[in-house]
Amino acid sequence: SFDGCSLPNIPSGTGAKGASICMIPA
């Protein structure tokens, strides 16, 4: 995840595998 995504226990970062997550309006 990234700063401002409201997911404090998820590490930030990038990479070829995996997924970036963020809280958005439902």
PDB file of all heavy atoms in Angstrom:
ATOM      1  N   SER A   1       0.838  -1.183   0.000  1.00  0.00           N
ATOM      2  CA  SER A   1       0.000   0.000   0.000  1.00  0.00           C
ATOM      3  C   SER A   1       0.880   1.243   0.000  1.00  0.00           C
ATOM      4  O   SER A   1       2.100   1.155  -0.097  1.00  0.00           O
ATOM      5  CB  SER A   1      -0.935  -0.009   1.216  1.00  0.00           C
ATOM      6  OG  SER A   1      -1.906   0.997   1.086  1.00  0.00           O
ATOM      7  N   PHE A   2       0.276   2.391   0.122  1.00  0.00           N
ATOM      8  CA  PHE A   2       0.988   3.663   0.088  1.00  0.00           C
ATOM      9  C   PHE A   2       0.398   4.609   1.124  1.00  0.00           C
ATOM     10  O   PHE A   2      -0.732   4.424   1.590  1.00  0.00           O
ATOM     11  CB  PHE A   2       0.897   4.277  -1.318  1.00  0.00           C
ATOM     12  CG  PHE A   2       1.496   3.391  -2.365  1.00  0.00           C
ATOM     13  CD1 PHE A   2       0.708   2.503  -3.069  1.00  0.00           C
ATOM     14  CD2 PHE A   2       2.847   3.413  -2.621  1.00  0.00           C
ATOM     15  CE1 PHE A   2       1.256   1.661  -4.028  1.00  0.00           C
ATOM     16  CE2 PHE A   2       3.415   2.575  -3.563  1.00  0.00           C
ATOM     17  CZ  PHE A   2       2.622   1.702  -4.265  1.00  0.00           C
ATOM     18  N   ASP A   3       1.132   5.633   1.498  1.00  0.00           N
ATOM     19  CA  ASP A   3       0.638   6.634   2.442  1.00  0.00           C
ATOM     20  C   ASP A   3      -0.696   7.181   1.957  1.00  0.00           C
ATOM     21  O   ASP A   3      -0.898   7.402   0.773  1.00  0.00           O
ATOM     22  CB  ASP A   3       1.638   7.780   2.585  1.00  0.00           C
ATOM     23  CG  ASP A   3       2.928   7.353   3.263  1.00  0.00           C
ATOM     24  OD1 ASP A   3       2.926   6.306   3.943  1.00  0.00           O
ATOM     25  OD2 ASP A   3       3.939   8.063   3.110  1.00  0.00           O
ATOM     26  N   GLY A   4      -1.606   7.385   2.872  1.00  0.00           N
ATOM     27  CA  GLY A   4      -2.902   7.955   2.546  1.00  0.00           C
ATOM     28  C   GLY A   4      -3.945   6.943   2.117  1.00  0.00           C
ATOM     29  O   GLY A   4      -5.064   7.307   1.792  1.00  0.00           O
ATOM     30  N   CYS A   5      -3.598   5.657   2.108  1.00  0.00           N
ATOM     31  CA  CYS A   5      -4.547   4.630   1.666  1.00  0.00           C
ATOM     32  C   CYS A   5      -5.337   4.013   2.815  1.00  0.00           C
ATOM     33  O   CYS A   5      -6.135   3.108   2.599  1.00  0.00           O
ATOM     34  CB  CYS A   5      -3.823   3.536   0.888  1.00  0.00           C
ATOM     35  SG  CYS A   5      -3.415   4.033  -0.786  1.00  0.00           S
ATOM     36  N   SER A   6      -5.134   4.487   4.025  1.00  0.00           N
ATOM     37  CA  SER A   6      -5.878   4.031   5.203  1.00  0.00           C
ATOM     38  C   SER A   6      -5.683   2.550   5.509  1.00  0.00           C
ATOM     39  O   SER A   6      -6.597   1.881   5.968  1.00  0.00           O
ATOM     40  CB  SER A   6      -7.366   4.342   5.046  1.00  0.00           C
ATOM     41  OG  SER A   6      -7.562   5.718   4.840  1.00  0.00           O
ATOM     42  N   LEU A   7      -4.500   2.021   5.230  1.00  0.00           N
ATOM     43  CA  LEU A   7      -4.178   0.623   5.519  1.00  0.00           C
ATOM     44  C   LEU A   7      -2.834   0.578   6.248  1.00  0.00           C
ATOM     45  O   LEU A   7      -1.806   0.247   5.666  1.00  0.00           O
ATOM     46  CB  LEU A   7      -4.118  -0.196   4.226  1.00  0.00           C
ATOM     47  CG  LEU A   7      -5.455  -0.310   3.501  1.00  0.00           C
ATOM     48  CD1 LEU A   7      -5.259  -0.676   2.051  1.00  0.00           C
ATOM     49  CD2 LEU A   7      -6.338  -1.315   4.195  1.00  0.00           C
ATOM     50  N   PRO A   8      -2.830   0.912   7.554  1.00  0.00           N
ATOM     51  CA  PRO A   8      -1.571   1.081   8.282  1.00  0.00           C
ATOM     52  C   PRO A   8      -0.742  -0.188   8.474  1.00  0.00           C
ATOM     53  O   PRO A   8       0.459  -0.102   8.661  1.00  0.00           O
ATOM     54  CB  PRO A   8      -2.027   1.634   9.634  1.00  0.00           C
ATOM     55  CG  PRO A   8      -3.421   1.135   9.791  1.00  0.00           C
ATOM     56  CD  PRO A   8      -3.995   1.102   8.398  1.00  0.00           C
ATOM     57  N   ASN A   9      -1.330  -1.369   8.416  1.00  0.00           N
ATOM     58  CA  ASN A   9      -0.574  -2.602   8.670  1.00  0.00           C
ATOM     59  C   ASN A   9      -0.093  -3.287   7.402  1.00  0.00           C
ATOM     60  O   ASN A   9       0.386  -4.411   7.461  1.00  0.00           O
ATOM     61  CB  ASN A   9      -1.422  -3.562   9.505  1.00  0.00           C
ATOM     62  CG  ASN A   9      -1.747  -2.985  10.866  1.00  0.00           C
ATOM     63  OD1 ASN A   9      -0.928  -2.305  11.462  1.00  0.00           O
ATOM     64  ND2 ASN A   9      -2.940  -3.239  11.345  1.00  0.00           N
ATOM     65  N   ILE A  10      -0.222  -2.622   6.257  1.00  0.00           N
ATOM     66  CA  ILE A  10       0.225  -3.180   4.976  1.00  0.00           C
ATOM     67  C   ILE A  10       1.513  -2.457   4.579  1.00  0.00           C
ATOM     68  O   ILE A  10       1.546  -1.231   4.543  1.00  0.00           O
ATOM     69  CB  ILE A  10      -0.854  -2.997   3.886  1.00  0.00           C
ATOM     70  CG1 ILE A  10      -2.197  -3.578   4.318  1.00  0.00           C
ATOM     71  CG2 ILE A  10      -0.387  -3.590   2.569  1.00  0.00           C
ATOM     72  CD1 ILE A  10      -2.208  -5.072   4.503  1.00  0.00           C
ATOM     73  N   PRO A  11       2.592  -3.190   4.275  1.00  0.00           N
ATOM     74  CA  PRO A  11       3.851  -2.528   3.923  1.00  0.00           C
ATOM     75  C   PRO A  11       3.752  -1.791   2.589  1.00  0.00           C
ATOM     76  O   PRO A  11       2.959  -2.152   1.727  1.00  0.00           O
ATOM     77  CB  PRO A  11       4.853  -3.685   3.833  1.00  0.00           C
ATOM     78  CG  PRO A  11       4.018  -4.899   3.561  1.00  0.00           C
ATOM     79  CD  PRO A  11       2.697  -4.654   4.227  1.00  0.00           C
ATOM     80  N   SER A  12       4.560  -0.744   2.448  1.00  0.00           N
ATOM     81  CA  SER A  12       4.605  -0.037   1.167  1.00  0.00           C
ATOM     82  C   SER A  12       5.699  -0.661   0.309  1.00  0.00           C
ATOM     83  O   SER A  12       6.535  -1.406   0.782  1.00  0.00           O
ATOM     84  CB  SER A  12       4.876   1.449   1.382  1.00  0.00           C
ATOM     85  OG  SER A  12       6.144   1.623   1.972  1.00  0.00           O
ATOM     86  N   GLY A  13       5.664  -0.371  -0.975  1.00  0.00           N
ATOM     87  CA  GLY A  13       6.685  -0.887  -1.873  1.00  0.00           C
ATOM     88  C   GLY A  13       6.142  -1.169  -3.250  1.00  0.00           C
ATOM     89  O   GLY A  13       4.973  -0.924  -3.542  1.00  0.00           O
ATOM     90  N   THR A  14       7.013  -1.674  -4.097  1.00  0.00           N
ATOM     91  CA  THR A  14       6.661  -2.026  -5.464  1.00  0.00           C
ATOM     92  C   THR A  14       7.243  -3.387  -5.782  1.00  0.00           C
ATOM     93  O   THR A  14       8.000  -3.941  -4.992  1.00  0.00           O
ATOM     94  CB  THR A  14       7.216  -0.996  -6.468  1.00  0.00           C
ATOM     95  OG1 THR A  14       8.645  -0.998  -6.356  1.00  0.00           O
ATOM     96  CG2 THR A  14       6.696   0.402  -6.191  1.00  0.00           C
ATOM     97  N   GLY A  15       6.922  -3.920  -6.939  1.00  0.00           N
ATOM     98  CA  GLY A  15       7.484  -5.195  -7.337  1.00  0.00           C
ATOM     99  C   GLY A  15       6.734  -5.798  -8.505  1.00  0.00           C
ATOM    100  O   GLY A  15       5.645  -5.340  -8.858  1.00  0.00           O
ATOM    101  N   ALA A  16       7.323  -6.802  -9.108  1.00  0.00           N
ATOM    102  CA  ALA A  16       6.733  -7.443 -10.283  1.00  0.00           C
ATOM    103  C   ALA A  16       5.563  -8.349  -9.928  1.00  0.00           C
ATOM    104  O   ALA A  16       4.721  -8.622 -10.762  1.00  0.00           O
ATOM    105  CB  ALA A  16       7.804  -8.242 -11.020  1.00  0.00           C
ATOM    106  N   LYS A  17       5.505  -8.825  -8.695  1.00  0.00           N
ATOM    107  CA  LYS A  17       4.424  -9.708  -8.274  1.00  0.00           C
ATOM    108  C   LYS A  17       3.692  -9.102  -7.092  1.00  0.00           C
ATOM    109  O   LYS A  17       4.296  -8.416  -6.272  1.00  0.00           O
ATOM    110  CB  LYS A  17       4.976 -11.082  -7.870  1.00  0.00           C
ATOM    111  CG  LYS A  17       5.534 -11.871  -9.017  1.00  0.00           C
ATOM    112  CD  LYS A  17       5.967 -13.232  -8.547  1.00  0.00           C
ATOM    113  CE  LYS A  17       6.479 -14.068  -9.690  1.00  0.00           C
ATOM    114  NZ  LYS A  17       6.888 -15.398  -9.239  1.00  0.00           N
ATOM    115  N   GLY A  18       2.416  -9.375  -7.017  1.00  0.00           N
ATOM    116  CA  GLY A  18       1.619  -8.872  -5.915  1.00  0.00           C
ATOM    117  C   GLY A  18       0.654  -7.808  -6.389  1.00  0.00           C
ATOM    118  O   GLY A  18       0.420  -7.643  -7.585  1.00  0.00           O
ATOM    119  N   ALA A  19       0.096  -7.074  -5.443  1.00  0.00           N
ATOM    120  CA  ALA A  19      -0.893  -6.056  -5.789  1.00  0.00           C
ATOM    121  C   ALA A  19      -0.785  -4.874  -4.845  1.00  0.00           C
ATOM    122  O   ALA A  19      -0.470  -5.027  -3.672  1.00  0.00           O
ATOM    123  CB  ALA A  19      -2.300  -6.645  -5.702  1.00  0.00           C
ATOM    124  N   SER A  20      -1.027  -3.689  -5.377  1.00  0.00           N
ATOM    125  CA  SER A  20      -1.128  -2.484  -4.568  1.00  0.00           C
ATOM    126  C   SER A  20      -2.580  -2.336  -4.158  1.00  0.00           C
ATOM    127  O   SER A  20      -3.485  -2.523  -4.976  1.00  0.00           O
ATOM    128  CB  SER A  20      -0.685  -1.267  -5.371  1.00  0.00           C
ATOM    129  OG  SER A  20       0.673  -1.362  -5.703  1.00  0.00           O
ATOM    130  N   ILE A  21      -2.817  -2.012  -2.895  1.00  0.00           N
ATOM    131  CA  ILE A  21      -4.186  -1.874  -2.410  1.00  0.00           C
ATOM    132  C   ILE A  21      -4.378  -0.514  -1.759  1.00  0.00           C
ATOM    133  O   ILE A  21      -3.432   0.078  -1.237  1.00  0.00           O
ATOM    134  CB  ILE A  21      -4.573  -3.004  -1.443  1.00  0.00           C
ATOM    135  CG1 ILE A  21      -3.669  -3.015  -0.208  1.00  0.00           C
ATOM    136  CG2 ILE A  21      -4.542  -4.339  -2.149  1.00  0.00           C
ATOM    137  CD1 ILE A  21      -4.098  -4.012   0.843  1.00  0.00           C
ATOM    138  N   CYS A  22      -5.611  -0.031  -1.816  1.00  0.00           N
ATOM    139  CA  CYS A  22      -5.953   1.254  -1.226  1.00  0.00           C
ATOM    140  C   CYS A  22      -7.456   1.269  -0.955  1.00  0.00           C
ATOM    141  O   CYS A  22      -8.222   0.624  -1.667  1.00  0.00           O
ATOM    142  CB  CYS A  22      -5.581   2.376  -2.195  1.00  0.00           C
ATOM    143  SG  CYS A  22      -5.546   4.007  -1.448  1.00  0.00           S
ATOM    144  N   MET A  23      -7.852   1.988   0.063  1.00  0.00           N
ATOM    145  CA  MET A  23      -9.272   2.149   0.359  1.00  0.00           C
ATOM    146  C   MET A  23      -9.845   3.237  -0.550  1.00  0.00           C
ATOM    147  O   MET A  23      -9.255   4.312  -0.670  1.00  0.00           O
ATOM    148  CB  MET A  23      -9.476   2.517   1.829  1.00  0.00           C
ATOM    149  CG  MET A  23      -8.992   1.454   2.802  1.00  0.00           C
ATOM    150  SD  MET A  23      -9.779  -0.145   2.590  1.00  0.00           S
ATOM    151  CE  MET A  23     -11.385   0.192   3.282  1.00  0.00           C
ATOM    152  N   ILE A  24     -10.953   2.927  -1.212  1.00  0.00           N
ATOM    153  CA  ILE A  24     -11.629   3.889  -2.075  1.00  0.00           C
ATOM    154  C   ILE A  24     -13.124   3.845  -1.745  1.00  0.00           C
ATOM    155  O   ILE A  24     -13.586   2.896  -1.115  1.00  0.00           O
ATOM    156  CB  ILE A  24     -11.390   3.603  -3.572  1.00  0.00           C
ATOM    157  CG1 ILE A  24     -12.013   2.264  -3.989  1.00  0.00           C
ATOM    158  CG2 ILE A  24      -9.899   3.640  -3.909  1.00  0.00           C
ATOM    159  CD1 ILE A  24     -12.029   2.045  -5.486  1.00  0.00           C
ATOM    160  N   PRO A  25     -13.890   4.841  -2.181  1.00  0.00           N
ATOM    161  CA  PRO A  25     -15.329   4.789  -1.933  1.00  0.00           C
ATOM    162  C   PRO A  25     -15.941   3.506  -2.502  1.00  0.00           C
ATOM    163  O   PRO A  25     -15.652   3.111  -3.637  1.00  0.00           O
ATOM    164  CB  PRO A  25     -15.861   6.030  -2.639  1.00  0.00           C
ATOM    165  CG  PRO A  25     -14.695   6.989  -2.609  1.00  0.00           C
ATOM    166  CD  PRO A  25     -13.490   6.110  -2.799  1.00  0.00           C
ATOM    167  N   ALA A  26     -16.784   2.841  -1.710  1.00  0.00           N
ATOM    168  CA  ALA A  26     -17.374   1.563  -2.109  1.00  0.00           C
ATOM    169  C   ALA A  26     -18.157   1.671  -3.414  1.00  0.00           C
ATOM    170  O   ALA A  26     -18.130   0.750  -4.237  1.00  0.00           O
ATOM    171  CB  ALA A  26     -18.270   1.035  -0.993  1.00  0.00           C
TER     172      ALA A  26
END
